[in-house]
Amino acid sequence: MRPLRRLEELRQITIDILPGTATSHYDLKLMGQRCEQKKYRLAVINHGSNVIGSRAPLAAMLPLLKEYNIISVIDGAQSAGAHIIDLSTLDPDIFCFTGHKSLFGPPGTGGLYIKAGIEPQPLIYGGTGSRSETEFQPEFLPDRYESGTPNTVGLAGLKAGLDFIEETGLENIIEHERVLAETLRHNLRDIPGLTLYEPRPDDGKLPVISFTLAGLECSEIGSRLDREFSIMTRIGLHCAPRAHQSISTFPQGTVRLSPGYFNSVEEMAEVTRAISIIAGGHND
């Protein structure tokens, strides 16, 4: 949102944020109506929520945008590696992803897919190690968007993560994480005073889980899980205030759990037990 808000401040764009429905965080009917009425130039879609794990129905949304010649920008930070994504089938205009989440890479890595014919202005102009005879930015890819010395060490780490995914099998990773997330969701629903924030019935799910406990601040819950049980969580607004507004957890936020491939079903039971103790469910 911050780059969009900055462009709005500069009076270069106007922003519409489309609400969902009672059963989905996305409203395709409203989206179609607005596309026809507003003559949008660009649609930015968060493929996967990093707050509750809902997944946007890109297969239905992208053809609608193409019908109205609207450029699509997909934020795949939360979905790349946690969901099977076939860009050749989906055919977005731009797809962005980070390397440090479900791709097992280090921070500071990621990628940008740009469809042929789409030519964004570079964010940074500078040395690329190519066409050094000219003082102007190269027009060809990837050099046009890769000024400066690349993060070679980080990209080597990202490649190692991708190699691991290929060796293990993406389907195997996704299924294991799905089982962990569903086990955790099922167990947490039985804890008195706990509110679980989930994708709506018509939305897809990623292994991201948010909750609150009645009478306890998120910071206290996260701190106790860390100090007393060595369970790491992320608390607060998760850099997504708009998402928290939509689930009525703004401004306090939630406690977020993100079970991953290297966790086990047994550990999900330990997480449930720890949260039960904090909630006052039992004292053992």
C-alpha atoms as a PDB file:
ATOM      1  CA  MET A   1       0.000   0.000   0.000  1.00  0.00           C
ATOM      2  CA  ARG A   2       2.777   2.455   0.757  1.00  0.00           C
ATOM      3  CA  PRO A   3       4.045   2.809  -2.838  1.00  0.00           C
ATOM      4  CA  LEU A   4       0.443   3.258  -3.970  1.00  0.00           C
ATOM      5  CA  ARG A   5      -0.249   5.850  -1.279  1.00  0.00           C
ATOM      6  CA  ARG A   6       2.900   7.741  -2.282  1.00  0.00           C
ATOM      7  CA  LEU A   7       1.761   7.864  -5.911  1.00  0.00           C
ATOM      8  CA  GLU A   8      -1.629   9.039  -4.666  1.00  0.00           C
ATOM      9  CA  GLU A   9       0.056  11.837  -2.702  1.00  0.00           C
ATOM     10  CA  LEU A  10       1.851  12.887  -5.873  1.00  0.00           C
ATOM     11  CA  ARG A  11      -1.570  12.997  -7.613  1.00  0.00           C
ATOM     12  CA  GLN A  12      -0.424  10.437 -10.176  1.00  0.00           C
ATOM     13  CA  ILE A  13      -3.089   7.863  -9.320  1.00  0.00           C
ATOM     14  CA  THR A  14      -6.414   7.409  -7.535  1.00  0.00           C
ATOM     15  CA  ILE A  15      -7.056   4.263  -5.520  1.00  0.00           C
ATOM     16  CA  ASP A  16     -10.146   2.099  -5.101  1.00  0.00           C
ATOM     17  CA  ILE A  17     -10.102  -0.725  -2.560  1.00  0.00           C
ATOM     18  CA  LEU A  18     -12.744  -3.335  -3.273  1.00  0.00           C
ATOM     19  CA  PRO A  19     -14.510  -5.104  -0.385  1.00  0.00           C
ATOM     20  CA  GLY A  20     -15.403  -8.776  -0.237  1.00  0.00           C
ATOM     21  CA  THR A  21     -18.672 -10.591   0.342  1.00  0.00           C
ATOM     22  CA  ALA A  22     -20.156 -12.387   3.344  1.00  0.00           C
ATOM     23  CA  THR A  23     -18.573 -15.671   2.235  1.00  0.00           C
ATOM     24  CA  SER A  24     -15.381 -14.464   0.534  1.00  0.00           C
ATOM     25  CA  HIS A  25     -12.774 -11.765   0.951  1.00  0.00           C
ATOM     26  CA  TYR A  26     -13.200 -11.181  -2.805  1.00  0.00           C
ATOM     27  CA  ASP A  27     -16.267  -9.998  -4.734  1.00  0.00           C
ATOM     28  CA  LEU A  28     -15.954 -10.898  -8.414  1.00  0.00           C
ATOM     29  CA  LYS A  29     -19.337  -9.426  -9.300  1.00  0.00           C
ATOM     30  CA  LEU A  30     -18.450  -6.051  -7.800  1.00  0.00           C
ATOM     31  CA  MET A  31     -15.021  -6.234  -9.400  1.00  0.00           C
ATOM     32  CA  GLY A  32     -16.599  -6.658 -12.829  1.00  0.00           C
ATOM     33  CA  GLN A  33     -18.985  -3.762 -12.249  1.00  0.00           C
ATOM     34  CA  ARG A  34     -16.204  -1.451 -11.095  1.00  0.00           C
ATOM     35  CA  CYS A  35     -13.923  -2.442 -13.969  1.00  0.00           C
ATOM     36  CA  GLU A  36     -16.644  -1.441 -16.411  1.00  0.00           C
ATOM     37  CA  GLN A  37     -17.609   1.788 -14.624  1.00  0.00           C
ATOM     38  CA  LYS A  38     -14.229   3.117 -13.494  1.00  0.00           C
ATOM     39  CA  LYS A  39     -12.000   2.299 -16.484  1.00  0.00           C
ATOM     40  CA  TYR A  40      -9.140   1.132 -14.259  1.00  0.00           C
ATOM     41  CA  ARG A  41      -5.593   1.070 -15.605  1.00  0.00           C
ATOM     42  CA  LEU A  42      -4.041  -1.248 -13.017  1.00  0.00           C
ATOM     43  CA  ALA A  43      -5.190  -3.877 -10.514  1.00  0.00           C
ATOM     44  CA  VAL A  44      -2.952  -4.944  -7.623  1.00  0.00           C
ATOM     45  CA  ILE A  45      -3.973  -8.256  -6.060  1.00  0.00           C
ATOM     46  CA  ASN A  46      -2.602  -9.819  -2.894  1.00  0.00           C
ATOM     47  CA  HIS A  47      -2.565 -13.495  -3.869  1.00  0.00           C
ATOM     48  CA  GLY A  48      -2.266 -14.763  -0.306  1.00  0.00           C
ATOM     49  CA  SER A  49      -3.038 -12.994   2.962  1.00  0.00           C
ATOM     50  CA  ASN A  50      -0.175 -12.990   5.446  1.00  0.00           C
ATOM     51  CA  VAL A  51      -2.730 -12.399   8.220  1.00  0.00           C
ATOM     52  CA  ILE A  52      -5.323 -15.181   7.857  1.00  0.00           C
ATOM     53  CA  GLY A  53      -4.097 -17.191   4.854  1.00  0.00           C
ATOM     54  CA  SER A  54      -6.975 -16.506   2.454  1.00  0.00           C
ATOM     55  CA  ARG A  55      -6.079 -17.002  -1.215  1.00  0.00           C
ATOM     56  CA  ALA A  56      -7.355 -14.845  -4.077  1.00  0.00           C
ATOM     57  CA  PRO A  57      -9.150 -16.672  -6.938  1.00  0.00           C
ATOM     58  CA  LEU A  58      -6.705 -15.567  -9.639  1.00  0.00           C
ATOM     59  CA  ALA A  59      -8.074 -18.006 -12.215  1.00  0.00           C
ATOM     60  CA  ALA A  60     -11.373 -16.083 -12.132  1.00  0.00           C
ATOM     61  CA  MET A  61      -9.988 -12.590 -11.556  1.00  0.00           C
ATOM     62  CA  LEU A  62      -7.318 -12.367 -14.250  1.00  0.00           C
ATOM     63  CA  PRO A  63      -9.567 -13.123 -17.267  1.00  0.00           C
ATOM     64  CA  LEU A  64     -11.918 -10.408 -16.004  1.00  0.00           C
ATOM     65  CA  LEU A  65      -9.073  -7.890 -15.926  1.00  0.00           C
ATOM     66  CA  LYS A  66      -7.949  -8.894 -19.404  1.00  0.00           C
ATOM     67  CA  GLU A  67     -11.476  -8.314 -20.682  1.00  0.00           C
ATOM     68  CA  TYR A  68     -11.154  -4.658 -19.704  1.00  0.00           C
ATOM     69  CA  ASN A  69      -7.455  -4.291 -20.668  1.00  0.00           C
ATOM     70  CA  ILE A  70      -6.399  -3.720 -17.057  1.00  0.00           C
ATOM     71  CA  ILE A  71      -2.786  -4.479 -16.170  1.00  0.00           C
ATOM     72  CA  SER A  72      -2.526  -7.030 -13.346  1.00  0.00           C
ATOM     73  CA  VAL A  73       0.136  -6.935 -10.625  1.00  0.00           C
ATOM     74  CA  ILE A  74       0.092  -9.981  -8.354  1.00  0.00           C
ATOM     75  CA  ASP A  75       1.772  -9.974  -4.938  1.00  0.00           C
ATOM     76  CA  GLY A  76       2.875 -13.582  -4.514  1.00  0.00           C
ATOM     77  CA  ALA A  77       5.006 -13.071  -1.414  1.00  0.00           C
ATOM     78  CA  GLN A  78       2.839 -15.343   0.732  1.00  0.00           C
ATOM     79  CA  SER A  79       1.795 -17.847  -1.947  1.00  0.00           C
ATOM     80  CA  ALA A  80       4.994 -18.696  -3.851  1.00  0.00           C
ATOM     81  CA  GLY A  81       6.102 -22.068  -2.529  1.00  0.00           C
ATOM     82  CA  ALA A  82       2.932 -22.555  -0.446  1.00  0.00           C
ATOM     83  CA  HIS A  83       0.621 -23.054  -3.422  1.00  0.00           C
ATOM     84  CA  ILE A  84       1.093 -24.432  -6.940  1.00  0.00           C
ATOM     85  CA  ILE A  85       1.275 -21.448  -9.302  1.00  0.00           C
ATOM     86  CA  ASP A  86       1.379 -21.900 -13.079  1.00  0.00           C
ATOM     87  CA  LEU A  87       2.118 -18.495 -14.586  1.00  0.00           C
ATOM     88  CA  SER A  88       1.746 -19.840 -18.110  1.00  0.00           C
ATOM     89  CA  THR A  89      -1.873 -20.732 -17.326  1.00  0.00           C
ATOM     90  CA  LEU A  90      -2.767 -17.767 -15.125  1.00  0.00           C
ATOM     91  CA  ASP A  91      -1.002 -15.332 -17.470  1.00  0.00           C
ATOM     92  CA  PRO A  92      -0.637 -12.303 -15.156  1.00  0.00           C
ATOM     93  CA  ASP A  93       1.110  -9.179 -16.418  1.00  0.00           C
ATOM     94  CA  ILE A  94       3.398  -8.867 -13.404  1.00  0.00           C
ATOM     95  CA  PHE A  95       4.033 -11.359 -10.601  1.00  0.00           C
ATOM     96  CA  CYS A  96       6.196 -10.433  -7.589  1.00  0.00           C
ATOM     97  CA  PHE A  97       7.545 -12.846  -4.994  1.00  0.00           C
ATOM     98  CA  THR A  98       9.962 -12.919  -2.097  1.00  0.00           C
ATOM     99  CA  GLY A  99      12.486 -15.635  -1.424  1.00  0.00           C
ATOM    100  CA  HIS A 100      12.504 -15.686   2.361  1.00  0.00           C
ATOM    101  CA  LYS A 101       9.093 -17.241   3.045  1.00  0.00           C
ATOM    102  CA  SER A 102       7.953 -20.520   1.470  1.00  0.00           C
ATOM    103  CA  LEU A 103      10.856 -20.697  -1.001  1.00  0.00           C
ATOM    104  CA  PHE A 104      13.341 -21.302   1.859  1.00  0.00           C
ATOM    105  CA  GLY A 105      15.666 -18.505   0.706  1.00  0.00           C
ATOM    106  CA  PRO A 106      17.375 -15.815   2.789  1.00  0.00           C
ATOM    107  CA  PRO A 107      16.013 -12.294   3.357  1.00  0.00           C
ATOM    108  CA  GLY A 108      16.794  -9.805   0.627  1.00  0.00           C
ATOM    109  CA  THR A 109      15.955 -12.148  -2.239  1.00  0.00           C
ATOM    110  CA  GLY A 110      12.991 -12.383  -4.565  1.00  0.00           C
ATOM    111  CA  GLY A 111      11.908 -12.007  -8.130  1.00  0.00           C
ATOM    112  CA  LEU A 112       9.751 -10.060 -10.546  1.00  0.00           C
ATOM    113  CA  TYR A 113       8.064 -11.706 -13.528  1.00  0.00           C
ATOM    114  CA  ILE A 114       7.126  -9.229 -16.270  1.00  0.00           C
ATOM    115  CA  LYS A 115       5.085 -10.342 -19.239  1.00  0.00           C
ATOM    116  CA  ALA A 116       6.410  -9.433 -22.683  1.00  0.00           C
ATOM    117  CA  GLY A 117       5.050  -6.069 -23.779  1.00  0.00           C
ATOM    118  CA  ILE A 118       4.732  -4.699 -20.240  1.00  0.00           C
ATOM    119  CA  GLU A 119       7.483  -2.137 -19.605  1.00  0.00           C
ATOM    120  CA  PRO A 120       7.459  -0.529 -16.151  1.00  0.00           C
ATOM    121  CA  GLN A 121       9.868   2.327 -15.493  1.00  0.00           C
ATOM    122  CA  PRO A 122      12.918   1.100 -13.546  1.00  0.00           C
ATOM    123  CA  LEU A 123      12.904   1.906  -9.859  1.00  0.00           C
ATOM    124  CA  ILE A 124      16.675   2.456  -9.851  1.00  0.00           C
ATOM    125  CA  TYR A 125      18.920   3.679 -12.667  1.00  0.00           C
ATOM    126  CA  GLY A 126      22.609   2.795 -12.584  1.00  0.00           C
ATOM    127  CA  GLY A 127      25.389   0.413 -13.530  1.00  0.00           C
ATOM    128  CA  THR A 128      24.426  -2.980 -14.903  1.00  0.00           C
ATOM    129  CA  GLY A 129      27.768  -4.265 -16.185  1.00  0.00           C
ATOM    130  CA  SER A 130      26.413  -4.115 -19.723  1.00  0.00           C
ATOM    131  CA  ARG A 131      26.305  -1.505 -22.503  1.00  0.00           C
ATOM    132  CA  SER A 132      28.942   0.501 -20.651  1.00  0.00           C
ATOM    133  CA  GLU A 133      29.516   2.687 -23.709  1.00  0.00           C
ATOM    134  CA  THR A 134      26.185   4.449 -23.120  1.00  0.00           C
ATOM    135  CA  GLU A 135      25.103   6.747 -20.295  1.00  0.00           C
ATOM    136  CA  PHE A 136      21.517   5.592 -20.600  1.00  0.00           C
ATOM    137  CA  GLN A 137      19.804   2.621 -18.918  1.00  0.00           C
ATOM    138  CA  PRO A 138      19.711  -0.537 -21.077  1.00  0.00           C
ATOM    139  CA  GLU A 139      16.293  -1.337 -22.520  1.00  0.00           C
ATOM    140  CA  PHE A 140      16.689  -5.135 -22.495  1.00  0.00           C
ATOM    141  CA  LEU A 141      15.893  -7.529 -19.633  1.00  0.00           C
ATOM    142  CA  PRO A 142      16.928  -8.249 -16.985  1.00  0.00           C
ATOM    143  CA  ASP A 143      19.506  -5.449 -17.046  1.00  0.00           C
ATOM    144  CA  ARG A 144      16.862  -2.714 -17.302  1.00  0.00           C
ATOM    145  CA  TYR A 145      15.704  -3.535 -13.775  1.00  0.00           C
ATOM    146  CA  GLU A 146      18.924  -4.811 -12.172  1.00  0.00           C
ATOM    147  CA  SER A 147      21.166  -1.825 -11.494  1.00  0.00           C
ATOM    148  CA  GLY A 148      23.943  -2.258  -8.965  1.00  0.00           C
ATOM    149  CA  THR A 149      25.875  -5.270  -7.745  1.00  0.00           C
ATOM    150  CA  PRO A 150      23.500  -8.244  -7.405  1.00  0.00           C
ATOM    151  CA  ASN A 151      23.055 -10.059  -4.096  1.00  0.00           C
ATOM    152  CA  THR A 152      24.962 -13.088  -5.365  1.00  0.00           C
ATOM    153  CA  VAL A 153      25.287 -14.767  -1.968  1.00  0.00           C
ATOM    154  CA  GLY A 154      21.584 -14.313  -1.260  1.00  0.00           C
ATOM    155  CA  LEU A 155      20.608 -15.635  -4.681  1.00  0.00           C
ATOM    156  CA  ALA A 156      22.817 -18.684  -4.120  1.00  0.00           C
ATOM    157  CA  GLY A 157      20.858 -19.258  -0.901  1.00  0.00           C
ATOM    158  CA  LEU A 158      17.582 -18.893  -2.793  1.00  0.00           C
ATOM    159  CA  LYS A 159      18.760 -21.421  -5.376  1.00  0.00           C
ATOM    160  CA  ALA A 160      19.531 -23.857  -2.565  1.00  0.00           C
ATOM    161  CA  GLY A 161      15.977 -23.392  -1.289  1.00  0.00           C
ATOM    162  CA  LEU A 162      14.551 -23.997  -4.760  1.00  0.00           C
ATOM    163  CA  ASP A 163      16.738 -27.080  -5.161  1.00  0.00           C
ATOM    164  CA  PHE A 164      15.344 -28.403  -1.871  1.00  0.00           C
ATOM    165  CA  ILE A 165      11.772 -27.843  -3.088  1.00  0.00           C
ATOM    166  CA  GLU A 166      12.511 -29.672  -6.343  1.00  0.00           C
ATOM    167  CA  GLU A 167      14.111 -32.603  -4.517  1.00  0.00           C
ATOM    168  CA  THR A 168      11.357 -32.860  -1.894  1.00  0.00           C
ATOM    169  CA  GLY A 169       8.460 -32.182  -4.229  1.00  0.00           C
ATOM    170  CA  LEU A 170       6.313 -29.077  -3.986  1.00  0.00           C
ATOM    171  CA  GLU A 171       3.139 -31.168  -3.682  1.00  0.00           C
ATOM    172  CA  ASN A 172       4.630 -33.015  -0.701  1.00  0.00           C
ATOM    173  CA  ILE A 173       5.566 -29.769   1.024  1.00  0.00           C
ATOM    174  CA  ILE A 174       2.147 -28.207   0.427  1.00  0.00           C
ATOM    175  CA  GLU A 175       0.291 -31.287   1.685  1.00  0.00           C
ATOM    176  CA  HIS A 176       2.385 -31.525   4.857  1.00  0.00           C
ATOM    177  CA  GLU A 177       1.858 -27.845   5.630  1.00  0.00           C
ATOM    178  CA  ARG A 178      -1.874 -28.186   4.914  1.00  0.00           C
ATOM    179  CA  VAL A 179      -2.172 -31.031   7.430  1.00  0.00           C
ATOM    180  CA  LEU A 180      -0.293 -29.022  10.055  1.00  0.00           C
ATOM    181  CA  ALA A 181      -2.425 -25.921   9.541  1.00  0.00           C
ATOM    182  CA  GLU A 182      -5.727 -27.819   9.606  1.00  0.00           C
ATOM    183  CA  THR A 183      -4.636 -29.741  12.711  1.00  0.00           C
ATOM    184  CA  LEU A 184      -3.774 -26.498  14.447  1.00  0.00           C
ATOM    185  CA  ARG A 185      -6.991 -24.768  13.389  1.00  0.00           C
ATOM    186  CA  HIS A 186      -9.033 -27.743  14.608  1.00  0.00           C
ATOM    187  CA  ASN A 187      -7.279 -27.815  17.984  1.00  0.00           C
ATOM    188  CA  LEU A 188      -7.394 -24.067  18.590  1.00  0.00           C
ATOM    189  CA  ARG A 189     -11.185 -23.914  18.116  1.00  0.00           C
ATOM    190  CA  ASP A 190     -11.602 -25.843  21.396  1.00  0.00           C
ATOM    191  CA  ILE A 191      -9.703 -23.355  23.569  1.00  0.00           C
ATOM    192  CA  PRO A 192     -12.039 -21.194  25.701  1.00  0.00           C
ATOM    193  CA  GLY A 193     -11.737 -17.465  25.029  1.00  0.00           C
ATOM    194  CA  LEU A 194      -9.801 -17.949  21.786  1.00  0.00           C
ATOM    195  CA  THR A 195     -10.975 -16.273  18.590  1.00  0.00           C
ATOM    196  CA  LEU A 196      -9.623 -17.829  15.410  1.00  0.00           C
ATOM    197  CA  TYR A 197      -9.525 -15.690  12.269  1.00  0.00           C
ATOM    198  CA  GLU A 198      -9.858 -17.839   9.161  1.00  0.00           C
ATOM    199  CA  PRO A 199     -10.475 -17.487   5.437  1.00  0.00           C
ATOM    200  CA  ARG A 200     -14.152 -17.271   4.578  1.00  0.00           C
ATOM    201  CA  PRO A 201     -15.901 -20.437   3.266  1.00  0.00           C
ATOM    202  CA  ASP A 202     -15.436 -19.664  -0.445  1.00  0.00           C
ATOM    203  CA  ASP A 203     -11.735 -18.733  -0.176  1.00  0.00           C
ATOM    204  CA  GLY A 204      -8.681 -20.921  -0.563  1.00  0.00           C
ATOM    205  CA  LYS A 205      -6.374 -21.467   2.415  1.00  0.00           C
ATOM    206  CA  LEU A 206      -2.663 -21.088   3.026  1.00  0.00           C
ATOM    207  CA  PRO A 207      -0.846 -22.286   6.201  1.00  0.00           C
ATOM    208  CA  VAL A 208      -1.198 -18.969   8.055  1.00  0.00           C
ATOM    209  CA  ILE A 209      -3.223 -18.787  11.276  1.00  0.00           C
ATOM    210  CA  SER A 210      -4.181 -15.769  13.399  1.00  0.00           C
ATOM    211  CA  PHE A 211      -5.876 -15.710  16.790  1.00  0.00           C
ATOM    212  CA  THR A 212      -6.566 -13.599  19.855  1.00  0.00           C
ATOM    213  CA  LEU A 213      -7.332 -14.509  23.479  1.00  0.00           C
ATOM    214  CA  ALA A 214      -9.985 -12.685  25.445  1.00  0.00           C
ATOM    215  CA  GLY A 215      -8.501 -10.413  28.096  1.00  0.00           C
ATOM    216  CA  LEU A 216      -4.900 -10.760  26.927  1.00  0.00           C
ATOM    217  CA  GLU A 217      -2.801  -8.446  24.770  1.00  0.00           C
ATOM    218  CA  CYS A 218      -1.198 -10.015  21.715  1.00  0.00           C
ATOM    219  CA  SER A 219       2.215  -8.855  22.923  1.00  0.00           C
ATOM    220  CA  GLU A 220       1.780 -10.745  26.210  1.00  0.00           C
ATOM    221  CA  ILE A 221       0.684 -13.917  24.427  1.00  0.00           C
ATOM    222  CA  GLY A 222       3.602 -13.801  21.996  1.00  0.00           C
ATOM    223  CA  SER A 223       6.097 -13.011  24.730  1.00  0.00           C
ATOM    224  CA  ARG A 224       4.942 -15.888  26.936  1.00  0.00           C
ATOM    225  CA  LEU A 225       4.945 -18.360  24.042  1.00  0.00           C
ATOM    226  CA  ASP A 226       8.542 -17.345  23.336  1.00  0.00           C
ATOM    227  CA  ARG A 227       9.857 -17.204  26.927  1.00  0.00           C
ATOM    228  CA  GLU A 228       8.042 -20.143  28.449  1.00  0.00           C
ATOM    229  CA  PHE A 229       7.582 -22.536  25.523  1.00  0.00           C
ATOM    230  CA  SER A 230      10.191 -21.513  22.902  1.00  0.00           C
ATOM    231  CA  ILE A 231       7.405 -21.027  20.351  1.00  0.00           C
ATOM    232  CA  MET A 232       8.022 -18.203  17.891  1.00  0.00           C
ATOM    233  CA  THR A 233       5.084 -16.145  16.631  1.00  0.00           C
ATOM    234  CA  ARG A 234       4.485 -12.805  14.957  1.00  0.00           C
ATOM    235  CA  ILE A 235       2.223 -10.376  16.792  1.00  0.00           C
ATOM    236  CA  GLY A 236       0.507  -7.111  15.902  1.00  0.00           C
ATOM    237  CA  LEU A 237      -0.594  -5.817  12.517  1.00  0.00           C
ATOM    238  CA  HIS A 238       1.823  -7.801  10.300  1.00  0.00           C
ATOM    239  CA  CYS A 239       2.406  -4.794   8.004  1.00  0.00           C
ATOM    240  CA  ALA A 240      -1.207  -5.238   6.847  1.00  0.00           C
ATOM    241  CA  PRO A 241      -3.479  -2.757   8.667  1.00  0.00           C
ATOM    242  CA  ARG A 242      -6.126  -2.928   5.953  1.00  0.00           C
ATOM    243  CA  ALA A 243      -6.438  -6.699   6.388  1.00  0.00           C
ATOM    244  CA  HIS A 244      -6.861  -6.274  10.130  1.00  0.00           C
ATOM    245  CA  GLN A 245      -9.533  -3.670   9.591  1.00  0.00           C
ATOM    246  CA  SER A 246     -11.439  -6.181   7.466  1.00  0.00           C
ATOM    247  CA  ILE A 247     -11.437  -8.780  10.280  1.00  0.00           C
ATOM    248  CA  SER A 248     -12.028  -6.183  13.050  1.00  0.00           C
ATOM    249  CA  THR A 249      -8.682  -6.673  14.790  1.00  0.00           C
ATOM    250  CA  PHE A 250      -7.343  -3.178  14.147  1.00  0.00           C
ATOM    251  CA  PRO A 251      -5.415  -1.617  15.856  1.00  0.00           C
ATOM    252  CA  GLN A 252      -4.342  -4.335  18.300  1.00  0.00           C
ATOM    253  CA  GLY A 253      -3.752  -7.029  15.650  1.00  0.00           C
ATOM    254  CA  THR A 254      -3.452 -10.763  16.267  1.00  0.00           C
ATOM    255  CA  VAL A 255      -0.983 -13.495  17.149  1.00  0.00           C
ATOM    256  CA  ARG A 256       0.107 -15.285  13.972  1.00  0.00           C
ATOM    257  CA  LEU A 257       1.295 -18.876  13.657  1.00  0.00           C
ATOM    258  CA  SER A 258       2.942 -20.106  10.457  1.00  0.00           C
ATOM    259  CA  PRO A 259       3.502 -23.881  10.519  1.00  0.00           C
ATOM    260  CA  GLY A 260       6.088 -24.946   7.977  1.00  0.00           C
ATOM    261  CA  TYR A 261       7.547 -28.036   6.376  1.00  0.00           C
ATOM    262  CA  PHE A 262      10.055 -28.652   9.178  1.00  0.00           C
ATOM    263  CA  ASN A 263       7.346 -28.723  11.848  1.00  0.00           C
ATOM    264  CA  SER A 264       5.476 -31.860  12.929  1.00  0.00           C
ATOM    265  CA  VAL A 265       1.938 -32.794  13.977  1.00  0.00           C
ATOM    266  CA  GLU A 266       3.330 -33.455  17.464  1.00  0.00           C
ATOM    267  CA  GLU A 267       4.587 -29.881  17.612  1.00  0.00           C
ATOM    268  CA  MET A 268       1.104 -28.626  16.712  1.00  0.00           C
ATOM    269  CA  ALA A 269      -0.141 -30.437  19.828  1.00  0.00           C
ATOM    270  CA  GLU A 270       2.559 -28.704  21.879  1.00  0.00           C
ATOM    271  CA  VAL A 271       1.534 -25.314  20.471  1.00  0.00           C
ATOM    272  CA  THR A 272      -2.098 -26.034  21.369  1.00  0.00           C
ATOM    273  CA  ARG A 273      -1.132 -27.075  24.887  1.00  0.00           C
ATOM    274  CA  ALA A 274       0.956 -23.920  25.390  1.00  0.00           C
ATOM    275  CA  ILE A 275      -1.825 -21.629  24.211  1.00  0.00           C
ATOM    276  CA  SER A 276      -4.317 -23.512  26.433  1.00  0.00           C
ATOM    277  CA  ILE A 277      -2.112 -22.886  29.452  1.00  0.00           C
ATOM    278  CA  ILE A 278      -1.833 -19.195  28.643  1.00  0.00           C
ATOM    279  CA  ALA A 279      -5.593 -19.016  28.133  1.00  0.00           C
ATOM    280  CA  GLY A 280      -6.104 -20.554  31.569  1.00  0.00           C
ATOM    281  CA  GLY A 281      -7.609 -23.743  30.218  1.00  0.00           C
ATOM    282  CA  HIS A 282      -5.574 -25.955  32.596  1.00  0.00           C
ATOM    283  CA  ASN A 283      -2.599 -25.655  34.923  1.00  0.00           C
ATOM    284  CA  ASP A 284      -0.535 -28.795  34.241  1.00  0.00           C
END
